[in-house]
């Protein structure tokens, strides 16, 4: 069963919101707040700020805190605001976790320390230190393809005594892990699907929610997919998923941030600007993504009619 901790109901669709940049690549706070407000009005159940899609590691320390303050100010408690914690060192991660709590975040999504590939003992120590630095509920983020670190079941067992660690965002592409998680831990951790193109599989295998990249682009359709899955309306869920799948595959690529932000721009929901080392898409890849978004937007009217 999904857990509610400190006001965070760990269930539903939580888009990993984008951070918007001005033409000079400074953080555009009004535009970022506009993205957040639109998602809340569209009905999402929560928000992830400064995850991978939010370009956490392209932001300076004070910029992260400014973005989080702006998000808390915009949301005004309507949905949980979960802040990504993605730092080079454990002390920096713990410091940001403490500051996020002071700023008013409702929860944290904690990643392994960036760049360095830890031993299992180091990984456990990192998560434990961050968890013990704050009273906020925590979602651990497992994404071996992106971060070269797998949160093993042995590590999760060592961390299971920490009540603040409530959830796991599961982004391993092997969907067998969902069932293995439930078999190993029962309802100790609330599980979220974290990779868009296996989201329906995760939800049908028991995930309580979905941390999504492409929800930034098609929020209502993402919510409809989630609701259909939870109601057991497989015909509707399959129809939405098949329509959505070409775009959902973008979430599994290394250029997912550029793809999602370009898709936002095509539909008037944001800007394609990204910070280096990322560059906006160009050439054939850019044309391909634009065509995919335009085709999906045209086809969704038929989907709604069906």
C-alpha atoms as a PDB file:
ATOM      1  CA  UNK A   1       0.000   0.000   0.000  1.00  0.00           C
ATOM      2  CA  UNK A   2       1.263   3.533  -0.782  1.00  0.00           C
ATOM      3  CA  UNK A   3       2.676   5.319   2.249  1.00  0.00           C
ATOM      4  CA  UNK A   4       1.841   8.842   3.359  1.00  0.00           C
ATOM      5  CA  UNK A   5       4.676  10.522   5.241  1.00  0.00           C
ATOM      6  CA  UNK A   6       4.863  14.138   6.370  1.00  0.00           C
ATOM      7  CA  UNK A   7       2.144  15.106   3.922  1.00  0.00           C
ATOM      8  CA  UNK A   8       3.655  13.212   0.974  1.00  0.00           C
ATOM      9  CA  UNK A   9       1.317  10.620  -0.482  1.00  0.00           C
ATOM     10  CA  UNK A  10       3.636   8.356  -2.428  1.00  0.00           C
ATOM     11  CA  UNK A  11       1.245   7.553  -5.245  1.00  0.00           C
ATOM     12  CA  UNK A  12       0.299   8.866  -8.662  1.00  0.00           C
ATOM     13  CA  UNK A  13       2.078  10.681 -11.469  1.00  0.00           C
ATOM     14  CA  UNK A  14       5.019  12.877 -10.430  1.00  0.00           C
ATOM     15  CA  UNK A  15       6.553  14.601 -13.467  1.00  0.00           C
ATOM     16  CA  UNK A  16      10.269  15.328 -13.272  1.00  0.00           C
ATOM     17  CA  UNK A  17       9.817  19.008 -14.086  1.00  0.00           C
ATOM     18  CA  UNK A  18      12.218  20.914 -16.319  1.00  0.00           C
ATOM     19  CA  UNK A  19      14.271  23.907 -15.197  1.00  0.00           C
ATOM     20  CA  UNK A  20      13.811  26.729 -17.667  1.00  0.00           C
ATOM     21  CA  UNK A  21      16.626  28.992 -18.881  1.00  0.00           C
ATOM     22  CA  UNK A  22      16.648  32.477 -20.374  1.00  0.00           C
ATOM     23  CA  UNK A  23      18.424  33.327 -23.645  1.00  0.00           C
ATOM     24  CA  UNK A  24      21.671  33.971 -21.723  1.00  0.00           C
ATOM     25  CA  UNK A  25      21.205  30.577 -19.991  1.00  0.00           C
ATOM     26  CA  UNK A  26      20.553  32.108 -16.596  1.00  0.00           C
ATOM     27  CA  UNK A  27      17.791  30.355 -14.671  1.00  0.00           C
ATOM     28  CA  UNK A  28      14.444  31.762 -15.779  1.00  0.00           C
ATOM     29  CA  UNK A  29      12.439  31.652 -12.567  1.00  0.00           C
ATOM     30  CA  UNK A  30       9.135  32.993 -13.990  1.00  0.00           C
ATOM     31  CA  UNK A  31       9.258  30.456 -16.849  1.00  0.00           C
ATOM     32  CA  UNK A  32      10.115  27.634 -14.440  1.00  0.00           C
ATOM     33  CA  UNK A  33       7.213  28.663 -12.238  1.00  0.00           C
ATOM     34  CA  UNK A  34       5.001  28.697 -15.328  1.00  0.00           C
ATOM     35  CA  UNK A  35       5.943  25.098 -16.154  1.00  0.00           C
ATOM     36  CA  UNK A  36       5.213  24.064 -12.564  1.00  0.00           C
ATOM     37  CA  UNK A  37       1.875  25.889 -12.406  1.00  0.00           C
ATOM     38  CA  UNK A  38       0.719  24.343 -15.675  1.00  0.00           C
ATOM     39  CA  UNK A  39       1.507  20.831 -14.444  1.00  0.00           C
ATOM     40  CA  UNK A  40      -0.329  21.388 -11.162  1.00  0.00           C
ATOM     41  CA  UNK A  41      -3.368  22.716 -13.023  1.00  0.00           C
ATOM     42  CA  UNK A  42      -3.239  19.688 -15.319  1.00  0.00           C
ATOM     43  CA  UNK A  43      -3.779  17.521 -12.256  1.00  0.00           C
ATOM     44  CA  UNK A  44      -0.463  15.822 -11.496  1.00  0.00           C
ATOM     45  CA  UNK A  45      -0.212  14.199  -8.072  1.00  0.00           C
ATOM     46  CA  UNK A  46       3.222  15.596  -7.174  1.00  0.00           C
ATOM     47  CA  UNK A  47       6.350  17.192  -8.627  1.00  0.00           C
ATOM     48  CA  UNK A  48      10.004  16.212  -8.765  1.00  0.00           C
ATOM     49  CA  UNK A  49      12.204  19.301  -8.923  1.00  0.00           C
ATOM     50  CA  UNK A  50      15.794  19.161 -10.141  1.00  0.00           C
ATOM     51  CA  UNK A  51      15.976  15.522 -11.042  1.00  0.00           C
ATOM     52  CA  UNK A  52      17.767  14.411 -14.191  1.00  0.00           C
ATOM     53  CA  UNK A  53      15.257  16.233 -16.392  1.00  0.00           C
ATOM     54  CA  UNK A  54      15.549  19.288 -14.146  1.00  0.00           C
ATOM     55  CA  UNK A  55      19.298  19.453 -14.944  1.00  0.00           C
ATOM     56  CA  UNK A  56      20.299  19.335 -11.285  1.00  0.00           C
ATOM     57  CA  UNK A  57      23.989  18.975 -11.968  1.00  0.00           C
ATOM     58  CA  UNK A  58      24.029  21.936 -14.353  1.00  0.00           C
ATOM     59  CA  UNK A  59      22.866  24.270 -11.580  1.00  0.00           C
ATOM     60  CA  UNK A  60      25.031  26.176  -9.138  1.00  0.00           C
ATOM     61  CA  UNK A  61      24.341  25.511  -5.420  1.00  0.00           C
ATOM     62  CA  UNK A  62      22.446  28.744  -4.835  1.00  0.00           C
ATOM     63  CA  UNK A  63      20.516  28.322  -8.080  1.00  0.00           C
ATOM     64  CA  UNK A  64      19.200  24.999  -6.793  1.00  0.00           C
ATOM     65  CA  UNK A  65      17.939  26.643  -3.647  1.00  0.00           C
ATOM     66  CA  UNK A  66      16.391  29.493  -5.631  1.00  0.00           C
ATOM     67  CA  UNK A  67      14.559  27.077  -7.946  1.00  0.00           C
ATOM     68  CA  UNK A  68      13.256  25.128  -4.960  1.00  0.00           C
ATOM     69  CA  UNK A  69      12.040  28.289  -3.199  1.00  0.00           C
ATOM     70  CA  UNK A  70      10.255  29.329  -6.378  1.00  0.00           C
ATOM     71  CA  UNK A  71       8.618  25.916  -6.692  1.00  0.00           C
ATOM     72  CA  UNK A  72       7.398  25.910  -3.094  1.00  0.00           C
ATOM     73  CA  UNK A  73       6.074  29.436  -3.554  1.00  0.00           C
ATOM     74  CA  UNK A  74       4.223  28.456  -6.729  1.00  0.00           C
ATOM     75  CA  UNK A  75       2.738  25.174  -5.554  1.00  0.00           C
ATOM     76  CA  UNK A  76       1.483  26.504  -2.208  1.00  0.00           C
ATOM     77  CA  UNK A  77       0.922  23.027  -0.823  1.00  0.00           C
ATOM     78  CA  UNK A  78      -1.444  21.845  -3.577  1.00  0.00           C
ATOM     79  CA  UNK A  79       0.753  18.819  -4.345  1.00  0.00           C
ATOM     80  CA  UNK A  80       3.959  17.466  -2.773  1.00  0.00           C
ATOM     81  CA  UNK A  81       7.193  19.099  -3.919  1.00  0.00           C
ATOM     82  CA  UNK A  82      10.035  16.564  -3.944  1.00  0.00           C
ATOM     83  CA  UNK A  83      13.545  17.939  -4.415  1.00  0.00           C
ATOM     84  CA  UNK A  84      16.252  16.009  -6.209  1.00  0.00           C
ATOM     85  CA  UNK A  85      19.448  15.528  -4.203  1.00  0.00           C
ATOM     86  CA  UNK A  86      22.291  14.935  -6.650  1.00  0.00           C
ATOM     87  CA  UNK A  87      25.751  16.020  -5.492  1.00  0.00           C
ATOM     88  CA  UNK A  88      29.394  15.102  -5.945  1.00  0.00           C
ATOM     89  CA  UNK A  89      29.962  14.387  -2.255  1.00  0.00           C
ATOM     90  CA  UNK A  90      27.984  13.100   0.703  1.00  0.00           C
ATOM     91  CA  UNK A  91      28.474  16.265   2.819  1.00  0.00           C
ATOM     92  CA  UNK A  92      27.130  18.416  -0.012  1.00  0.00           C
ATOM     93  CA  UNK A  93      24.135  16.106  -0.399  1.00  0.00           C
ATOM     94  CA  UNK A  94      23.394  16.249   3.337  1.00  0.00           C
ATOM     95  CA  UNK A  95      23.725  20.043   3.339  1.00  0.00           C
ATOM     96  CA  UNK A  96      21.298  20.391   0.456  1.00  0.00           C
ATOM     97  CA  UNK A  97      18.858  18.002   2.142  1.00  0.00           C
ATOM     98  CA  UNK A  98      18.891  20.171   5.271  1.00  0.00           C
ATOM     99  CA  UNK A  99      18.396  23.335   3.226  1.00  0.00           C
ATOM    100  CA  UNK A 100      15.572  21.770   1.202  1.00  0.00           C
ATOM    101  CA  UNK A 101      13.733  21.022   4.431  1.00  0.00           C
ATOM    102  CA  UNK A 102      14.190  24.634   5.627  1.00  0.00           C
ATOM    103  CA  UNK A 103      12.977  25.976   2.271  1.00  0.00           C
ATOM    104  CA  UNK A 104       9.782  23.942   2.501  1.00  0.00           C
ATOM    105  CA  UNK A 105      10.217  20.870   0.307  1.00  0.00           C
ATOM    106  CA  UNK A 106       7.870  18.027   1.200  1.00  0.00           C
ATOM    107  CA  UNK A 107      10.269  15.214   0.337  1.00  0.00           C
ATOM    108  CA  UNK A 108      13.548  14.297  -1.312  1.00  0.00           C
ATOM    109  CA  UNK A 109      14.580  12.095  -4.214  1.00  0.00           C
ATOM    110  CA  UNK A 110      18.140  11.050  -3.360  1.00  0.00           C
ATOM    111  CA  UNK A 111      20.635   9.875  -5.965  1.00  0.00           C
ATOM    112  CA  UNK A 112      24.009   8.211  -5.431  1.00  0.00           C
ATOM    113  CA  UNK A 113      26.924  10.638  -5.290  1.00  0.00           C
ATOM    114  CA  UNK A 114      27.723  11.736  -8.819  1.00  0.00           C
ATOM    115  CA  UNK A 115      30.724  10.637 -10.925  1.00  0.00           C
ATOM    116  CA  UNK A 116      32.293   8.263  -8.382  1.00  0.00           C
ATOM    117  CA  UNK A 117      31.116   4.650  -8.535  1.00  0.00           C
ATOM    118  CA  UNK A 118      30.916   3.549  -4.883  1.00  0.00           C
ATOM    119  CA  UNK A 119      31.256   0.233  -3.177  1.00  0.00           C
ATOM    120  CA  UNK A 120      28.035  -1.046  -1.667  1.00  0.00           C
ATOM    121  CA  UNK A 121      29.177   0.032   1.796  1.00  0.00           C
ATOM    122  CA  UNK A 122      29.913   3.548   0.505  1.00  0.00           C
ATOM    123  CA  UNK A 123      26.526   3.733  -1.212  1.00  0.00           C
ATOM    124  CA  UNK A 124      24.695   2.692   1.948  1.00  0.00           C
ATOM    125  CA  UNK A 125      26.695   5.206   3.995  1.00  0.00           C
ATOM    126  CA  UNK A 126      25.832   7.979   1.526  1.00  0.00           C
ATOM    127  CA  UNK A 127      22.095   7.305   1.697  1.00  0.00           C
ATOM    128  CA  UNK A 128      22.145   6.838   5.466  1.00  0.00           C
ATOM    129  CA  UNK A 129      24.007  10.101   6.041  1.00  0.00           C
ATOM    130  CA  UNK A 130      21.589  12.066   3.872  1.00  0.00           C
ATOM    131  CA  UNK A 131      18.542  10.429   5.478  1.00  0.00           C
ATOM    132  CA  UNK A 132      19.812  11.155   8.974  1.00  0.00           C
ATOM    133  CA  UNK A 133      20.469  14.813   8.110  1.00  0.00           C
ATOM    134  CA  UNK A 134      16.782  15.649   7.582  1.00  0.00           C
ATOM    135  CA  UNK A 135      13.311  14.806   8.763  1.00  0.00           C
ATOM    136  CA  UNK A 136      11.905  14.730   5.235  1.00  0.00           C
ATOM    137  CA  UNK A 137      10.638  11.482   3.666  1.00  0.00           C
ATOM    138  CA  UNK A 138      12.914  10.092   0.992  1.00  0.00           C
ATOM    139  CA  UNK A 139      12.646   8.311  -2.330  1.00  0.00           C
ATOM    140  CA  UNK A 140      15.820   6.533  -3.436  1.00  0.00           C
ATOM    141  CA  UNK A 141      16.548   6.704  -7.156  1.00  0.00           C
ATOM    142  CA  UNK A 142      17.829   3.524  -8.812  1.00  0.00           C
ATOM    143  CA  UNK A 143      18.989   4.107 -12.387  1.00  0.00           C
ATOM    144  CA  UNK A 144      21.946   1.849 -13.255  1.00  0.00           C
ATOM    145  CA  UNK A 145      22.081   2.732 -16.998  1.00  0.00           C
ATOM    146  CA  UNK A 146      22.421   6.458 -16.290  1.00  0.00           C
ATOM    147  CA  UNK A 147      24.494   6.505 -13.097  1.00  0.00           C
ATOM    148  CA  UNK A 148      26.450   3.213 -13.255  1.00  0.00           C
ATOM    149  CA  UNK A 149      25.285   2.350  -9.745  1.00  0.00           C
ATOM    150  CA  UNK A 150      22.710  -0.259  -8.795  1.00  0.00           C
ATOM    151  CA  UNK A 151      20.968  -0.071  -5.439  1.00  0.00           C
ATOM    152  CA  UNK A 152      21.110  -3.755  -4.612  1.00  0.00           C
ATOM    153  CA  UNK A 153      18.576  -5.564  -2.479  1.00  0.00           C
ATOM    154  CA  UNK A 154      21.322  -6.070   0.098  1.00  0.00           C
ATOM    155  CA  UNK A 155      21.768  -2.279   0.270  1.00  0.00           C
ATOM    156  CA  UNK A 156      18.034  -1.743   0.605  1.00  0.00           C
ATOM    157  CA  UNK A 157      17.929  -4.284   3.432  1.00  0.00           C
ATOM    158  CA  UNK A 158      20.664  -2.378   5.277  1.00  0.00           C
ATOM    159  CA  UNK A 159      18.689   0.848   4.860  1.00  0.00           C
ATOM    160  CA  UNK A 160      15.316  -0.614   5.775  1.00  0.00           C
ATOM    161  CA  UNK A 161      15.651   0.443   9.420  1.00  0.00           C
ATOM    162  CA  UNK A 162      15.472   4.107   8.378  1.00  0.00           C
ATOM    163  CA  UNK A 163      11.778   4.922   8.461  1.00  0.00           C
ATOM    164  CA  UNK A 164      12.300   8.139   6.502  1.00  0.00           C
ATOM    165  CA  UNK A 165      13.319   6.106   3.428  1.00  0.00           C
ATOM    166  CA  UNK A 166       9.828   5.477   2.154  1.00  0.00           C
ATOM    167  CA  UNK A 167      10.049   4.882  -1.580  1.00  0.00           C
ATOM    168  CA  UNK A 168      12.190   3.643  -4.453  1.00  0.00           C
ATOM    169  CA  UNK A 169      12.110   5.082  -7.953  1.00  0.00           C
ATOM    170  CA  UNK A 170      12.907   2.069 -10.102  1.00  0.00           C
ATOM    171  CA  UNK A 171      14.493   2.948 -13.450  1.00  0.00           C
ATOM    172  CA  UNK A 172      16.227  -0.312 -14.244  1.00  0.00           C
ATOM    173  CA  UNK A 173      14.988  -1.437 -17.681  1.00  0.00           C
ATOM    174  CA  UNK A 174      14.437  -5.025 -16.506  1.00  0.00           C
ATOM    175  CA  UNK A 175      10.829  -5.113 -15.286  1.00  0.00           C
ATOM    176  CA  UNK A 176      11.463  -8.312 -13.334  1.00  0.00           C
ATOM    177  CA  UNK A 177      12.951  -6.086 -10.649  1.00  0.00           C
ATOM    178  CA  UNK A 178       9.497  -4.803  -9.683  1.00  0.00           C
ATOM    179  CA  UNK A 179       8.337  -8.267  -8.707  1.00  0.00           C
ATOM    180  CA  UNK A 180      11.657  -9.079  -7.074  1.00  0.00           C
ATOM    181  CA  UNK A 181      11.342  -5.898  -4.970  1.00  0.00           C
ATOM    182  CA  UNK A 182       7.882  -6.858  -3.758  1.00  0.00           C
ATOM    183  CA  UNK A 183       8.970 -10.426  -3.044  1.00  0.00           C
ATOM    184  CA  UNK A 184      11.997  -9.225  -1.094  1.00  0.00           C
ATOM    185  CA  UNK A 185      10.436  -6.367   0.872  1.00  0.00           C
ATOM    186  CA  UNK A 186       6.655  -6.630   0.689  1.00  0.00           C
ATOM    187  CA  UNK A 187       5.231  -3.184   1.374  1.00  0.00           C
ATOM    188  CA  UNK A 188       8.310  -1.836   3.206  1.00  0.00           C
ATOM    189  CA  UNK A 189       9.150   0.473   0.278  1.00  0.00           C
ATOM    190  CA  UNK A 190       6.619   2.178  -1.967  1.00  0.00           C
ATOM    191  CA  UNK A 191       7.784   1.556  -5.536  1.00  0.00           C
ATOM    192  CA  UNK A 192       7.528   4.064  -8.398  1.00  0.00           C
ATOM    193  CA  UNK A 193       8.093   3.308 -12.067  1.00  0.00           C
ATOM    194  CA  UNK A 194      10.897   5.563 -13.203  1.00  0.00           C
ATOM    195  CA  UNK A 195      11.569   4.713 -16.851  1.00  0.00           C
ATOM    196  CA  UNK A 196       8.840   5.983 -19.152  1.00  0.00           C
ATOM    197  CA  UNK A 197       8.855   3.185 -21.713  1.00  0.00           C
ATOM    198  CA  UNK A 198       8.274   0.497 -19.091  1.00  0.00           C
ATOM    199  CA  UNK A 199       5.885   2.572 -16.974  1.00  0.00           C
ATOM    200  CA  UNK A 200       2.737   0.579 -17.738  1.00  0.00           C
ATOM    201  CA  UNK A 201       4.532  -2.678 -16.972  1.00  0.00           C
ATOM    202  CA  UNK A 202       5.663  -1.234 -13.647  1.00  0.00           C
ATOM    203  CA  UNK A 203       2.186  -0.013 -12.738  1.00  0.00           C
ATOM    204  CA  UNK A 204       0.610  -3.353 -13.617  1.00  0.00           C
ATOM    205  CA  UNK A 205       3.232  -5.138 -11.516  1.00  0.00           C
ATOM    206  CA  UNK A 206       2.322  -3.091  -8.469  1.00  0.00           C
ATOM    207  CA  UNK A 207       4.119   0.254  -8.641  1.00  0.00           C
ATOM    208  CA  UNK A 208       2.125   2.882  -6.750  1.00  0.00           C
ATOM    209  CA  UNK A 209       3.234   5.733  -8.969  1.00  0.00           C
ATOM    210  CA  UNK A 210       5.255   6.958 -11.913  1.00  0.00           C
ATOM    211  CA  UNK A 211       8.062   9.523 -11.954  1.00  0.00           C
ATOM    212  CA  UNK A 212       7.784  10.642 -15.555  1.00  0.00           C
ATOM    213  CA  UNK A 213       9.706  12.723 -18.060  1.00  0.00           C
ATOM    214  CA  UNK A 214       7.177  12.853 -20.901  1.00  0.00           C
ATOM    215  CA  UNK A 215       4.388  13.954 -18.570  1.00  0.00           C
ATOM    216  CA  UNK A 216       5.933  17.404 -19.034  1.00  0.00           C
ATOM    217  CA  UNK A 217       4.696  17.229 -22.612  1.00  0.00           C
ATOM    218  CA  UNK A 218       1.448  15.269 -22.381  1.00  0.00           C
ATOM    219  CA  UNK A 219       0.283  15.470 -18.753  1.00  0.00           C
ATOM    220  CA  UNK A 220      -3.388  14.653 -19.257  1.00  0.00           C
ATOM    221  CA  UNK A 221      -2.618  11.567 -21.300  1.00  0.00           C
ATOM    222  CA  UNK A 222      -0.089  10.436 -18.671  1.00  0.00           C
ATOM    223  CA  UNK A 223      -2.712  10.797 -15.958  1.00  0.00           C
ATOM    224  CA  UNK A 224      -5.223   8.906 -18.081  1.00  0.00           C
ATOM    225  CA  UNK A 225      -2.726   6.068 -18.532  1.00  0.00           C
ATOM    226  CA  UNK A 226      -2.120   5.897 -14.793  1.00  0.00           C
ATOM    227  CA  UNK A 227      -5.821   5.897 -13.946  1.00  0.00           C
ATOM    228  CA  UNK A 228      -6.626   3.230 -16.532  1.00  0.00           C
ATOM    229  CA  UNK A 229      -3.868   1.009 -15.189  1.00  0.00           C
ATOM    230  CA  UNK A 230      -5.017   1.419 -11.605  1.00  0.00           C
ATOM    231  CA  UNK A 231      -8.642   0.694 -12.536  1.00  0.00           C
ATOM    232  CA  UNK A 232      -7.635  -2.413 -14.452  1.00  0.00           C
ATOM    233  CA  UNK A 233      -8.960  -0.944 -17.700  1.00  0.00           C
ATOM    234  CA  UNK A 234      -6.339  -2.639 -19.807  1.00  0.00           C
ATOM    235  CA  UNK A 235      -7.949  -1.835 -23.150  1.00  0.00           C
ATOM    236  CA  UNK A 236      -7.738   1.894 -22.484  1.00  0.00           C
ATOM    237  CA  UNK A 237      -4.274   1.610 -20.936  1.00  0.00           C
ATOM    238  CA  UNK A 238      -2.927  -0.287 -23.954  1.00  0.00           C
ATOM    239  CA  UNK A 239      -4.420   2.208 -26.404  1.00  0.00           C
ATOM    240  CA  UNK A 240      -2.815   5.172 -24.618  1.00  0.00           C
ATOM    241  CA  UNK A 241       0.489   3.346 -24.170  1.00  0.00           C
ATOM    242  CA  UNK A 242       0.722   2.366 -27.834  1.00  0.00           C
ATOM    243  CA  UNK A 243       0.005   5.932 -28.886  1.00  0.00           C
ATOM    244  CA  UNK A 244       2.543   7.282 -26.381  1.00  0.00           C
ATOM    245  CA  UNK A 245       5.338   4.759 -26.834  1.00  0.00           C
ATOM    246  CA  UNK A 246       7.387   6.465 -29.577  1.00  0.00           C
ATOM    247  CA  UNK A 247       7.787   9.470 -27.301  1.00  0.00           C
ATOM    248  CA  UNK A 248       8.234   7.407 -24.141  1.00  0.00           C
ATOM    249  CA  UNK A 249      11.286   5.776 -25.732  1.00  0.00           C
ATOM    250  CA  UNK A 250      12.951   9.220 -25.661  1.00  0.00           C
ATOM    251  CA  UNK A 251      13.147   8.983 -21.863  1.00  0.00           C
ATOM    252  CA  UNK A 252      15.556   6.057 -22.155  1.00  0.00           C
ATOM    253  CA  UNK A 253      18.162   7.881 -24.261  1.00  0.00           C
ATOM    254  CA  UNK A 254      21.159   9.888 -23.107  1.00  0.00           C
ATOM    255  CA  UNK A 255      19.673  12.980 -24.768  1.00  0.00           C
ATOM    256  CA  UNK A 256      16.370  12.667 -22.879  1.00  0.00           C
ATOM    257  CA  UNK A 257      16.609  16.177 -21.419  1.00  0.00           C
ATOM    258  CA  UNK A 258      17.073  17.825 -24.803  1.00  0.00           C
ATOM    259  CA  UNK A 259      14.286  15.692 -26.302  1.00  0.00           C
ATOM    260  CA  UNK A 260      11.802  16.477 -23.544  1.00  0.00           C
ATOM    261  CA  UNK A 261      12.560  20.200 -23.548  1.00  0.00           C
ATOM    262  CA  UNK A 262      12.266  20.375 -27.336  1.00  0.00           C
ATOM    263  CA  UNK A 263       8.938  18.559 -27.101  1.00  0.00           C
ATOM    264  CA  UNK A 264       7.788  21.081 -24.492  1.00  0.00           C
ATOM    265  CA  UNK A 265       8.730  23.893 -26.862  1.00  0.00           C
ATOM    266  CA  UNK A 266       6.837  22.359 -29.788  1.00  0.00           C
ATOM    267  CA  UNK A 267       3.648  22.324 -27.696  1.00  0.00           C
ATOM    268  CA  UNK A 268       4.220  25.737 -26.131  1.00  0.00           C
ATOM    269  CA  UNK A 269       4.943  24.383 -22.655  1.00  0.00           C
ATOM    270  CA  UNK A 270       8.562  25.520 -22.286  1.00  0.00           C
ATOM    271  CA  UNK A 271      11.861  26.232 -24.011  1.00  0.00           C
ATOM    272  CA  UNK A 272      14.382  23.834 -25.525  1.00  0.00           C
ATOM    273  CA  UNK A 273      17.320  25.703 -23.928  1.00  0.00           C
ATOM    274  CA  UNK A 274      19.697  23.470 -21.968  1.00  0.00           C
ATOM    275  CA  UNK A 275      23.001  24.113 -20.261  1.00  0.00           C
ATOM    276  CA  UNK A 276      26.364  22.736 -21.329  1.00  0.00           C
ATOM    277  CA  UNK A 277      27.613  20.120 -21.584  1.00  0.00           C
ATOM    278  CA  UNK A 278      24.196  19.483 -23.142  1.00  0.00           C
ATOM    279  CA  UNK A 279      23.404  21.275 -26.397  1.00  0.00           C
ATOM    280  CA  UNK A 280      19.957  21.645 -27.992  1.00  0.00           C
ATOM    281  CA  UNK A 281      19.187  19.017 -30.589  1.00  0.00           C
ATOM    282  CA  UNK A 282      20.168  19.774 -34.178  1.00  0.00           C
ATOM    283  CA  UNK A 283      19.871  18.252 -37.612  1.00  0.00           C
ATOM    284  CA  UNK A 284      18.136  14.945 -38.198  1.00  0.00           C
ATOM    285  CA  UNK A 285      17.608  14.178 -34.510  1.00  0.00           C
ATOM    286  CA  UNK A 286      15.863  17.506 -33.931  1.00  0.00           C
ATOM    287  CA  UNK A 287      13.654  17.023 -36.972  1.00  0.00           C
ATOM    288  CA  UNK A 288      12.829  13.480 -35.851  1.00  0.00           C
ATOM    289  CA  UNK A 289      11.713  14.561 -32.386  1.00  0.00           C
ATOM    290  CA  UNK A 290       9.637  17.465 -33.726  1.00  0.00           C
ATOM    291  CA  UNK A 291       7.907  15.121 -36.182  1.00  0.00           C
ATOM    292  CA  UNK A 292       7.198  12.617 -33.399  1.00  0.00           C
ATOM    293  CA  UNK A 293       5.643  15.269 -31.157  1.00  0.00           C
ATOM    294  CA  UNK A 294       3.550  16.740 -33.952  1.00  0.00           C
ATOM    295  CA  UNK A 295       2.333  13.285 -34.980  1.00  0.00           C
ATOM    296  CA  UNK A 296       1.428  12.418 -31.390  1.00  0.00           C
ATOM    297  CA  UNK A 297      -0.397  15.721 -30.924  1.00  0.00           C
ATOM    298  CA  UNK A 298      -2.424  15.119 -34.100  1.00  0.00           C
ATOM    299  CA  UNK A 299      -3.200  11.526 -33.151  1.00  0.00           C
ATOM    300  CA  UNK A 300      -4.304  12.271 -29.596  1.00  0.00           C
ATOM    301  CA  UNK A 301      -7.577  13.764 -30.815  1.00  0.00           C
ATOM    302  CA  UNK A 302      -8.456  10.374 -32.314  1.00  0.00           C
ATOM    303  CA  UNK A 303      -7.319   8.749 -29.072  1.00  0.00           C
ATOM    304  CA  UNK A 304      -9.633  10.975 -27.016  1.00  0.00           C
ATOM    305  CA  UNK A 305     -12.519  10.321 -29.377  1.00  0.00           C
ATOM    306  CA  UNK A 306     -12.002   6.577 -29.021  1.00  0.00           C
END
